[in-house]
């Protein structure tokens, strides 16, 4: 083989590689395919009892807060503790901005209409978020039923957080 032939062969291979890279870049930009991401990390947190300061109503006046580190992915699942005895829903905040509100969630051994409530929020996708540290906040809201007689004094939940850092 001559040098001229090898140069043409190399130039052709480089052209094909550049075309493939361009196609992949376009597909990523359009969201058709996703680039490889960092490893997803799942952590479960048991909140300490979050007391609700007076005057107590159904919406807790305190927001439970967790510091989360991620590159982009932020998914959250909320499961009321087995110590709960009334249905509650949860307002989910990222950096002080309300992002979601769960439906009312039940508790183990609930009776009546509350027995048919889900006992977990399912995985709530709050992605994408900017890389770095974020404050994840949860604010509980109760409703009469079970041991709730019209005031939410406290709440306790298990929080599962999925990030990519």
N, C-alpha and C. Protein backbone atom coordinates (compact mmCIF):
# COMPACT_ATOMS: atom_id res chain seq x y z
N UNK A 1 0.84 -1.18 0.00
CA UNK A 1 0.00 0.00 0.00
C UNK A 1 0.88 1.23 0.00
N UNK A 2 0.39 2.22 -0.70
CA UNK A 2 1.15 3.47 -0.78
C UNK A 2 0.69 4.42 0.31
N UNK A 3 1.53 5.40 0.58
CA UNK A 3 1.18 6.43 1.56
C UNK A 3 -0.08 7.17 1.14
N UNK A 4 -0.23 7.41 -0.15
CA UNK A 4 -1.40 8.12 -0.65
C UNK A 4 -2.68 7.33 -0.35
N UNK A 5 -2.62 6.01 -0.56
CA UNK A 5 -3.76 5.15 -0.29
C UNK A 5 -4.09 5.13 1.20
N UNK A 6 -3.06 5.03 2.07
CA UNK A 6 -3.26 5.02 3.51
C UNK A 6 -3.87 6.34 3.99
N UNK A 7 -3.42 7.44 3.42
CA UNK A 7 -3.98 8.75 3.81
C UNK A 7 -5.46 8.82 3.44
N UNK A 8 -5.80 8.37 2.26
CA UNK A 8 -7.22 8.38 1.85
C UNK A 8 -8.06 7.49 2.76
N UNK A 9 -7.53 6.32 3.09
CA UNK A 9 -8.22 5.39 3.95
C UNK A 9 -8.43 6.00 5.34
N UNK A 10 -7.38 6.61 5.89
CA UNK A 10 -7.46 7.27 7.19
C UNK A 10 -8.42 8.44 7.14
N UNK A 11 -8.34 9.26 6.10
CA UNK A 11 -9.24 10.41 5.95
C UNK A 11 -10.69 9.95 5.86
N UNK A 12 -10.95 8.88 5.18
CA UNK A 12 -12.31 8.33 5.07
C UNK A 12 -12.82 7.83 6.41
N UNK A 13 -11.95 7.15 7.15
CA UNK A 13 -12.35 6.64 8.47
C UNK A 13 -12.65 7.80 9.41
N UNK A 14 -11.83 8.84 9.39
CA UNK A 14 -12.07 10.01 10.24
C UNK A 14 -13.37 10.71 9.86
N UNK A 15 -13.66 10.79 8.58
CA UNK A 15 -14.91 11.42 8.13
C UNK A 15 -16.13 10.65 8.62
N UNK A 16 -16.05 9.33 8.55
CA UNK A 16 -17.15 8.49 9.02
C UNK A 16 -17.31 8.66 10.54
N UNK A 17 -16.21 8.67 11.28
CA UNK A 17 -16.27 8.84 12.74
C UNK A 17 -16.87 10.19 13.11
N UNK A 18 -16.49 11.24 12.39
CA UNK A 18 -17.04 12.57 12.66
C UNK A 18 -18.53 12.60 12.36
N UNK A 19 -18.96 11.95 11.30
CA UNK A 19 -20.39 11.91 10.95
C UNK A 19 -21.18 11.16 12.02
N UNK A 20 -20.64 10.05 12.51
CA UNK A 20 -21.32 9.29 13.56
C UNK A 20 -21.41 10.11 14.83
N UNK A 21 -20.32 10.78 15.21
CA UNK A 21 -20.33 11.63 16.41
C UNK A 21 -21.37 12.74 16.26
N UNK A 22 -21.48 13.32 15.08
CA UNK A 22 -22.47 14.37 14.84
C UNK A 22 -23.89 13.85 14.97
N UNK A 23 -24.13 12.66 14.45
CA UNK A 23 -25.46 12.06 14.55
C UNK A 23 -25.81 11.77 16.00
N UNK A 24 -24.87 11.20 16.74
CA UNK A 24 -25.11 10.90 18.15
C UNK A 24 -25.37 12.19 18.93
N UNK A 25 -24.58 13.21 18.67
CA UNK A 25 -24.78 14.50 19.34
C UNK A 25 -26.16 15.08 19.07
N UNK A 26 -26.62 14.98 17.84
CA UNK A 26 -27.95 15.47 17.48
C UNK A 26 -29.03 14.67 18.19
N UNK A 27 -28.88 13.35 18.24
CA UNK A 27 -29.88 12.50 18.91
C UNK A 27 -29.93 12.79 20.41
N UNK A 28 -28.78 13.07 21.03
CA UNK A 28 -28.76 13.44 22.45
C UNK A 28 -29.44 14.78 22.65
N UNK A 29 -29.12 15.75 21.80
CA UNK A 29 -29.73 17.08 21.91
C UNK A 29 -31.24 17.03 21.74
N UNK A 30 -31.73 16.15 20.90
CA UNK A 30 -33.17 16.02 20.68
C UNK A 30 -33.84 15.17 21.75
N UNK A 31 -33.04 14.55 22.60
CA UNK A 31 -33.60 13.73 23.67
C UNK A 31 -33.99 12.33 23.22
N UNK A 32 -33.60 11.94 22.00
CA UNK A 32 -33.93 10.62 21.50
C UNK A 32 -33.13 9.56 22.26
N UNK A 33 -31.88 9.87 22.53
CA UNK A 33 -31.05 8.99 23.35
C UNK A 33 -30.46 9.82 24.47
N UNK A 34 -30.06 9.15 25.53
CA UNK A 34 -29.47 9.84 26.68
C UNK A 34 -27.99 9.48 26.78
N UNK A 35 -27.17 10.48 27.13
CA UNK A 35 -25.76 10.16 27.32
C UNK A 35 -25.59 9.33 28.58
N UNK A 36 -24.48 8.63 28.70
CA UNK A 36 -24.26 7.88 29.93
C UNK A 36 -24.24 8.85 31.11
N UNK A 37 -24.90 8.48 32.19
CA UNK A 37 -24.95 9.38 33.34
C UNK A 37 -24.14 8.80 34.49
N UNK A 38 -23.96 9.63 35.48
CA UNK A 38 -23.26 9.17 36.68
C UNK A 38 -24.10 8.09 37.35
N UNK A 39 -23.50 7.36 38.21
CA UNK A 39 -24.18 6.30 38.92
C UNK A 39 -25.28 6.87 39.80
N UNK A 40 -26.45 6.26 39.75
CA UNK A 40 -27.54 6.72 40.62
C UNK A 40 -27.34 6.16 42.02
N UNK A 41 -27.57 7.01 43.00
CA UNK A 41 -27.41 6.65 44.40
C UNK A 41 -28.77 6.78 45.07
N UNK A 42 -29.18 5.76 45.80
CA UNK A 42 -30.45 5.79 46.52
C UNK A 42 -30.15 5.79 48.02
N UNK A 43 -30.76 6.76 48.72
CA UNK A 43 -30.62 6.85 50.17
C UNK A 43 -32.01 6.95 50.78
N UNK A 44 -32.22 6.29 51.90
CA UNK A 44 -33.49 6.39 52.62
C UNK A 44 -33.23 7.06 53.96
N UNK A 45 -34.03 8.07 54.25
CA UNK A 45 -33.92 8.83 55.49
C UNK A 45 -35.19 8.63 56.31
N UNK A 46 -35.04 8.39 57.58
CA UNK A 46 -36.16 8.38 58.49
C UNK A 46 -36.16 9.72 59.18
N UNK A 47 -37.19 10.51 58.95
CA UNK A 47 -37.22 11.81 59.61
C UNK A 47 -37.41 11.61 61.09
N UNK A 48 -36.79 12.46 61.83
CA UNK A 48 -37.13 12.47 63.24
C UNK A 48 -38.53 13.07 63.30
N UNK A 49 -39.16 12.92 64.39
CA UNK A 49 -40.52 13.44 64.53
C UNK A 49 -40.49 14.95 64.26
N UNK A 50 -41.23 15.38 63.25
CA UNK A 50 -41.30 16.81 62.93
C UNK A 50 -42.50 17.40 63.67
N UNK A 51 -42.22 18.12 64.75
CA UNK A 51 -43.29 18.76 65.49
C UNK A 51 -43.83 19.95 64.71
N UNK A 52 -45.11 20.20 64.85
CA UNK A 52 -45.76 21.32 64.19
C UNK A 52 -46.04 22.39 65.24
N UNK A 53 -45.42 23.54 65.10
CA UNK A 53 -45.56 24.57 66.14
C UNK A 53 -46.96 25.15 66.20
N UNK A 54 -47.35 25.66 67.38
CA UNK A 54 -48.66 26.31 67.51
C UNK A 54 -48.70 27.56 66.65
N UNK A 55 -49.83 28.03 66.22
CA UNK A 55 -51.12 27.36 66.44
C UNK A 55 -51.26 26.21 65.47
N UNK A 56 -51.63 25.04 65.97
CA UNK A 56 -51.74 23.88 65.10
C UNK A 56 -53.07 23.90 64.36
N UNK A 57 -52.94 23.71 63.07
CA UNK A 57 -54.09 23.44 62.21
C UNK A 57 -53.76 22.14 61.50
N UNK A 58 -54.32 21.94 60.36
CA UNK A 58 -53.99 20.72 59.61
C UNK A 58 -52.68 20.86 58.85
N UNK A 59 -52.31 22.09 58.43
CA UNK A 59 -51.05 22.30 57.71
C UNK A 59 -49.95 22.58 58.74
N UNK A 60 -48.92 21.74 58.76
CA UNK A 60 -47.83 21.90 59.71
C UNK A 60 -47.09 23.21 59.42
N UNK A 61 -46.81 23.96 60.47
CA UNK A 61 -46.10 25.23 60.31
C UNK A 61 -44.60 25.08 60.16
N UNK A 62 -44.07 23.85 60.24
CA UNK A 62 -42.64 23.60 60.10
C UNK A 62 -42.40 22.77 58.84
N UNK A 63 -41.27 22.97 58.23
CA UNK A 63 -40.88 22.20 57.04
C UNK A 63 -39.64 21.39 57.39
N UNK A 64 -39.72 20.07 57.22
CA UNK A 64 -38.57 19.21 57.44
C UNK A 64 -37.63 19.40 56.26
N UNK A 65 -36.32 19.51 56.52
CA UNK A 65 -35.37 19.82 55.46
C UNK A 65 -34.19 18.85 55.45
N UNK A 66 -33.80 18.42 54.26
CA UNK A 66 -32.63 17.57 54.03
C UNK A 66 -31.74 18.26 53.02
N UNK A 67 -30.42 18.21 53.22
CA UNK A 67 -29.50 18.72 52.20
C UNK A 67 -29.14 17.56 51.28
N UNK A 68 -29.30 17.78 49.98
CA UNK A 68 -29.08 16.76 48.96
C UNK A 68 -28.02 17.25 47.99
N UNK A 69 -27.12 16.36 47.59
CA UNK A 69 -26.09 16.66 46.59
C UNK A 69 -26.39 15.83 45.35
N UNK A 70 -26.40 16.47 44.17
CA UNK A 70 -26.68 15.74 42.93
C UNK A 70 -26.07 16.48 41.75
N UNK A 71 -25.99 15.77 40.63
CA UNK A 71 -25.54 16.38 39.38
C UNK A 71 -26.72 16.89 38.57
N UNK A 72 -27.83 16.16 38.59
CA UNK A 72 -29.01 16.53 37.82
C UNK A 72 -30.26 15.81 38.30
N UNK A 73 -30.11 14.53 38.63
CA UNK A 73 -31.24 13.69 39.00
C UNK A 73 -31.66 13.93 40.44
N UNK A 74 -32.96 14.12 40.65
CA UNK A 74 -33.51 14.20 42.00
C UNK A 74 -34.90 13.58 41.97
N UNK A 75 -35.00 12.41 42.58
CA UNK A 75 -36.27 11.69 42.69
C UNK A 75 -36.52 11.42 44.16
N UNK A 76 -37.77 11.49 44.57
CA UNK A 76 -38.12 11.36 45.97
C UNK A 76 -39.33 10.45 46.11
N UNK A 77 -39.30 9.58 47.12
CA UNK A 77 -40.47 8.78 47.47
C UNK A 77 -40.74 9.00 48.96
N UNK A 78 -41.99 9.27 49.29
CA UNK A 78 -42.39 9.56 50.67
C UNK A 78 -43.31 8.44 51.15
N UNK A 79 -42.95 7.85 52.29
CA UNK A 79 -43.74 6.79 52.89
C UNK A 79 -43.98 7.14 54.35
N UNK A 80 -45.24 7.34 54.74
CA UNK A 80 -45.51 7.64 56.15
C UNK A 80 -44.98 6.54 57.07
N UNK A 81 -44.48 6.94 58.21
CA UNK A 81 -43.96 6.00 59.20
C UNK A 81 -45.08 5.11 59.72
N UNK A 82 -44.70 3.95 60.20
CA UNK A 82 -45.69 3.04 60.79
C UNK A 82 -46.26 3.61 62.09
N UNK A 83 -45.64 4.67 62.61
CA UNK A 83 -46.15 5.32 63.82
C UNK A 83 -47.31 6.27 63.53
N UNK A 84 -47.51 6.63 62.24
CA UNK A 84 -48.61 7.52 61.89
C UNK A 84 -49.94 6.83 62.12
N UNK A 85 -50.95 7.62 62.45
CA UNK A 85 -52.27 7.03 62.69
C UNK A 85 -53.37 7.90 62.07
N UNK A 86 -53.00 8.69 61.09
CA UNK A 86 -53.95 9.52 60.36
C UNK A 86 -53.40 9.79 58.97
N UNK A 87 -54.27 10.10 58.02
CA UNK A 87 -53.79 10.34 56.66
C UNK A 87 -53.20 11.74 56.55
N UNK A 88 -52.19 11.86 55.70
CA UNK A 88 -51.51 13.13 55.48
C UNK A 88 -51.09 13.21 54.02
N UNK A 89 -50.97 14.44 53.56
CA UNK A 89 -50.32 14.66 52.27
C UNK A 89 -49.11 15.54 52.54
N UNK A 90 -48.21 15.59 51.55
CA UNK A 90 -46.94 16.26 51.77
C UNK A 90 -46.62 17.19 50.62
N UNK A 91 -46.25 18.40 50.98
CA UNK A 91 -45.79 19.41 50.04
C UNK A 91 -44.28 19.22 49.91
N UNK A 92 -43.80 19.09 48.68
CA UNK A 92 -42.39 18.82 48.43
C UNK A 92 -41.75 20.08 47.85
N UNK A 93 -40.68 20.53 48.50
CA UNK A 93 -39.98 21.75 48.09
C UNK A 93 -38.55 21.42 47.68
N UNK A 94 -38.04 22.13 46.68
CA UNK A 94 -36.63 22.09 46.33
C UNK A 94 -36.13 23.52 46.39
N UNK A 95 -35.18 23.75 47.26
CA UNK A 95 -34.61 25.09 47.45
C UNK A 95 -35.70 26.13 47.74
N UNK A 96 -36.67 25.74 48.55
CA UNK A 96 -37.72 26.66 48.98
C UNK A 96 -38.87 26.85 48.00
N UNK A 97 -38.83 26.18 46.87
CA UNK A 97 -39.88 26.30 45.85
C UNK A 97 -40.72 25.02 45.86
N UNK A 98 -42.03 25.17 46.02
CA UNK A 98 -42.91 24.00 46.01
C UNK A 98 -42.93 23.38 44.63
N UNK A 99 -42.60 22.07 44.58
CA UNK A 99 -42.54 21.36 43.30
C UNK A 99 -43.68 20.37 43.12
N UNK A 100 -44.14 19.75 44.20
CA UNK A 100 -45.19 18.74 44.13
C UNK A 100 -46.00 18.73 45.42
N UNK A 101 -47.20 18.16 45.32
CA UNK A 101 -48.01 17.85 46.49
C UNK A 101 -48.49 16.42 46.28
N UNK A 102 -48.25 15.57 47.28
CA UNK A 102 -48.69 14.18 47.16
C UNK A 102 -50.19 14.10 47.39
N UNK A 103 -50.82 13.03 46.96
CA UNK A 103 -52.20 12.81 47.40
C UNK A 103 -52.17 12.46 48.89
N UNK A 104 -53.32 12.42 49.52
CA UNK A 104 -53.36 11.98 50.91
C UNK A 104 -52.90 10.52 50.94
N UNK A 105 -51.99 10.24 51.87
CA UNK A 105 -51.43 8.90 52.02
C UNK A 105 -51.97 8.27 53.30
N UNK A 106 -52.20 6.99 53.24
CA UNK A 106 -52.72 6.26 54.39
C UNK A 106 -51.63 5.81 55.33
N UNK A 107 -51.98 4.91 56.22
CA UNK A 107 -51.05 4.39 57.21
C UNK A 107 -51.41 2.93 57.45
N UNK A 108 -50.48 2.17 58.01
CA UNK A 108 -50.77 0.74 58.26
C UNK A 108 -51.99 0.59 59.16
N UNK A 109 -52.80 -0.38 58.87
CA UNK A 109 -53.98 -0.73 59.66
C UNK A 109 -55.06 0.36 59.67
N UNK A 110 -55.08 1.21 58.66
CA UNK A 110 -56.14 2.21 58.56
C UNK A 110 -57.48 1.51 58.34
N UNK A 111 -58.54 2.17 58.74
CA UNK A 111 -59.88 1.60 58.58
C UNK A 111 -60.74 2.57 57.77
N UNK A 112 -61.92 2.11 57.40
CA UNK A 112 -62.86 2.96 56.67
C UNK A 112 -62.30 3.40 55.34
N UNK A 113 -62.67 4.62 54.93
CA UNK A 113 -62.23 5.16 53.63
C UNK A 113 -60.72 5.30 53.55
N UNK A 114 -60.05 5.53 54.70
CA UNK A 114 -58.59 5.71 54.69
C UNK A 114 -57.86 4.40 54.39
N UNK A 115 -58.52 3.26 54.55
CA UNK A 115 -57.88 1.97 54.28
C UNK A 115 -57.53 1.81 52.80
N UNK A 116 -58.22 2.53 51.91
CA UNK A 116 -57.96 2.39 50.48
C UNK A 116 -56.93 3.40 49.97
N UNK A 117 -56.40 4.25 50.84
CA UNK A 117 -55.41 5.24 50.42
C UNK A 117 -54.06 4.58 50.14
N UNK A 118 -53.30 5.12 49.18
CA UNK A 118 -51.94 4.58 48.98
C UNK A 118 -51.10 4.86 50.22
N UNK A 119 -50.10 4.03 50.46
CA UNK A 119 -49.24 4.22 51.62
C UNK A 119 -47.85 4.71 51.22
N UNK A 120 -47.70 5.10 49.96
CA UNK A 120 -46.47 5.72 49.48
C UNK A 120 -46.80 6.67 48.35
N UNK A 121 -45.96 7.67 48.18
CA UNK A 121 -46.18 8.63 47.09
C UNK A 121 -45.78 8.07 45.75
N UNK A 122 -45.03 6.96 45.75
CA UNK A 122 -44.39 6.53 44.52
C UNK A 122 -43.20 7.45 44.28
N UNK A 123 -42.40 7.16 43.29
CA UNK A 123 -41.21 7.94 43.02
C UNK A 123 -41.58 9.22 42.27
N UNK A 124 -41.35 10.37 42.90
CA UNK A 124 -41.65 11.67 42.30
C UNK A 124 -40.37 12.20 41.64
N UNK A 125 -40.42 12.40 40.34
CA UNK A 125 -39.23 12.87 39.61
C UNK A 125 -39.21 14.39 39.61
N UNK A 126 -38.24 14.97 40.33
CA UNK A 126 -38.08 16.42 40.42
C UNK A 126 -36.95 16.90 39.52
N UNK A 127 -36.44 16.01 38.68
CA UNK A 127 -35.32 16.30 37.79
C UNK A 127 -35.79 17.13 36.61
N UNK A 128 -34.88 17.81 35.95
CA UNK A 128 -33.48 17.99 36.33
C UNK A 128 -33.32 19.17 37.29
N UNK A 129 -32.29 19.09 38.11
CA UNK A 129 -31.89 20.20 38.97
C UNK A 129 -30.45 20.54 38.62
N UNK A 130 -30.01 21.72 38.99
CA UNK A 130 -28.64 22.13 38.69
C UNK A 130 -27.67 21.32 39.55
N UNK A 131 -26.44 21.12 39.07
CA UNK A 131 -25.46 20.38 39.86
C UNK A 131 -25.14 21.10 41.17
N UNK A 132 -24.96 20.31 42.24
CA UNK A 132 -24.58 20.89 43.51
C UNK A 132 -25.52 20.50 44.63
N UNK A 133 -25.46 21.30 45.71
CA UNK A 133 -26.27 21.03 46.90
C UNK A 133 -27.64 21.69 46.76
N UNK A 134 -28.65 20.99 47.28
CA UNK A 134 -30.02 21.49 47.26
C UNK A 134 -30.68 21.17 48.59
N UNK A 135 -31.66 21.98 48.96
CA UNK A 135 -32.47 21.72 50.15
C UNK A 135 -33.78 21.08 49.71
N UNK A 136 -34.02 19.87 50.19
CA UNK A 136 -35.28 19.17 49.95
C UNK A 136 -36.13 19.39 51.18
N UNK A 137 -37.32 19.95 51.01
CA UNK A 137 -38.20 20.22 52.14
C UNK A 137 -39.51 19.46 52.03
N UNK A 138 -40.04 19.04 53.18
CA UNK A 138 -41.33 18.36 53.25
C UNK A 138 -42.18 19.04 54.30
N UNK A 139 -43.41 19.33 53.92
CA UNK A 139 -44.37 19.94 54.85
C UNK A 139 -45.62 19.07 54.85
N UNK A 140 -46.01 18.61 56.03
CA UNK A 140 -47.16 17.72 56.14
C UNK A 140 -48.45 18.48 56.32
N UNK A 141 -49.52 17.88 55.82
CA UNK A 141 -50.87 18.39 56.03
C UNK A 141 -51.77 17.20 56.34
N UNK A 142 -52.43 17.25 57.48
CA UNK A 142 -53.33 16.17 57.88
C UNK A 142 -54.77 16.48 57.52
N UNK A 143 -55.63 15.54 57.86
CA UNK A 143 -57.07 15.73 57.75
C UNK A 143 -57.72 14.85 58.82
N UNK A 144 -58.90 15.23 59.27
CA UNK A 144 -59.55 14.45 60.34
C UNK A 144 -59.75 12.99 59.93
N UNK A 145 -59.52 12.11 60.87
CA UNK A 145 -59.67 10.68 60.66
C UNK A 145 -58.56 9.97 61.40
N UNK A 146 -58.79 8.72 61.75
CA UNK A 146 -57.80 8.00 62.55
C UNK A 146 -57.64 8.71 63.88
N UNK A 147 -56.42 9.01 64.26
CA UNK A 147 -56.18 9.72 65.53
C UNK A 147 -56.19 11.23 65.36
N UNK A 148 -56.38 11.72 64.14
CA UNK A 148 -56.40 13.16 63.88
C UNK A 148 -57.80 13.71 64.19
N UNK A 149 -57.85 14.63 65.14
CA UNK A 149 -59.14 15.22 65.54
C UNK A 149 -59.28 16.66 65.07
N UNK A 150 -58.52 17.00 64.01
CA UNK A 150 -58.64 18.34 63.45
C UNK A 150 -57.36 19.16 63.54
N UNK A 151 -56.29 18.56 64.08
CA UNK A 151 -55.00 19.24 64.17
C UNK A 151 -53.89 18.24 63.89
N UNK A 152 -52.89 18.70 63.14
CA UNK A 152 -51.69 17.89 62.92
C UNK A 152 -50.63 18.38 63.90
N UNK A 153 -50.33 17.57 64.90
CA UNK A 153 -49.35 17.95 65.92
C UNK A 153 -47.92 17.64 65.48
N UNK A 154 -47.76 16.61 64.64
CA UNK A 154 -46.43 16.19 64.18
C UNK A 154 -46.61 15.23 63.02
N UNK A 155 -45.52 15.00 62.29
CA UNK A 155 -45.53 13.95 61.27
C UNK A 155 -44.17 13.27 61.23
N UNK A 156 -44.18 12.03 60.73
CA UNK A 156 -42.95 11.28 60.57
C UNK A 156 -43.07 10.46 59.29
N UNK A 157 -42.06 10.56 58.44
CA UNK A 157 -42.07 9.84 57.17
C UNK A 157 -40.70 9.25 56.89
N UNK A 158 -40.68 8.22 56.07
CA UNK A 158 -39.44 7.72 55.49
C UNK A 158 -39.32 8.38 54.13
N UNK A 159 -38.14 8.91 53.84
CA UNK A 159 -37.91 9.60 52.57
C UNK A 159 -36.81 8.86 51.82
N UNK A 160 -37.14 8.38 50.64
CA UNK A 160 -36.13 7.75 49.78
C UNK A 160 -35.77 8.77 48.71
N UNK A 161 -34.47 9.03 48.57
CA UNK A 161 -33.97 10.03 47.63
C UNK A 161 -33.03 9.35 46.64
N UNK A 162 -33.26 9.58 45.35
CA UNK A 162 -32.40 9.05 44.29
C UNK A 162 -31.71 10.25 43.64
N UNK A 163 -30.37 10.21 43.63
CA UNK A 163 -29.57 11.26 43.00
C UNK A 163 -28.54 10.61 42.08
N UNK A 164 -27.78 11.43 41.37
CA UNK A 164 -26.72 10.90 40.51
C UNK A 164 -25.37 11.49 40.87
N UNK A 165 -25.10 11.56 42.15
CA UNK A 165 -23.76 12.03 42.55
C UNK A 165 -23.09 11.03 43.44
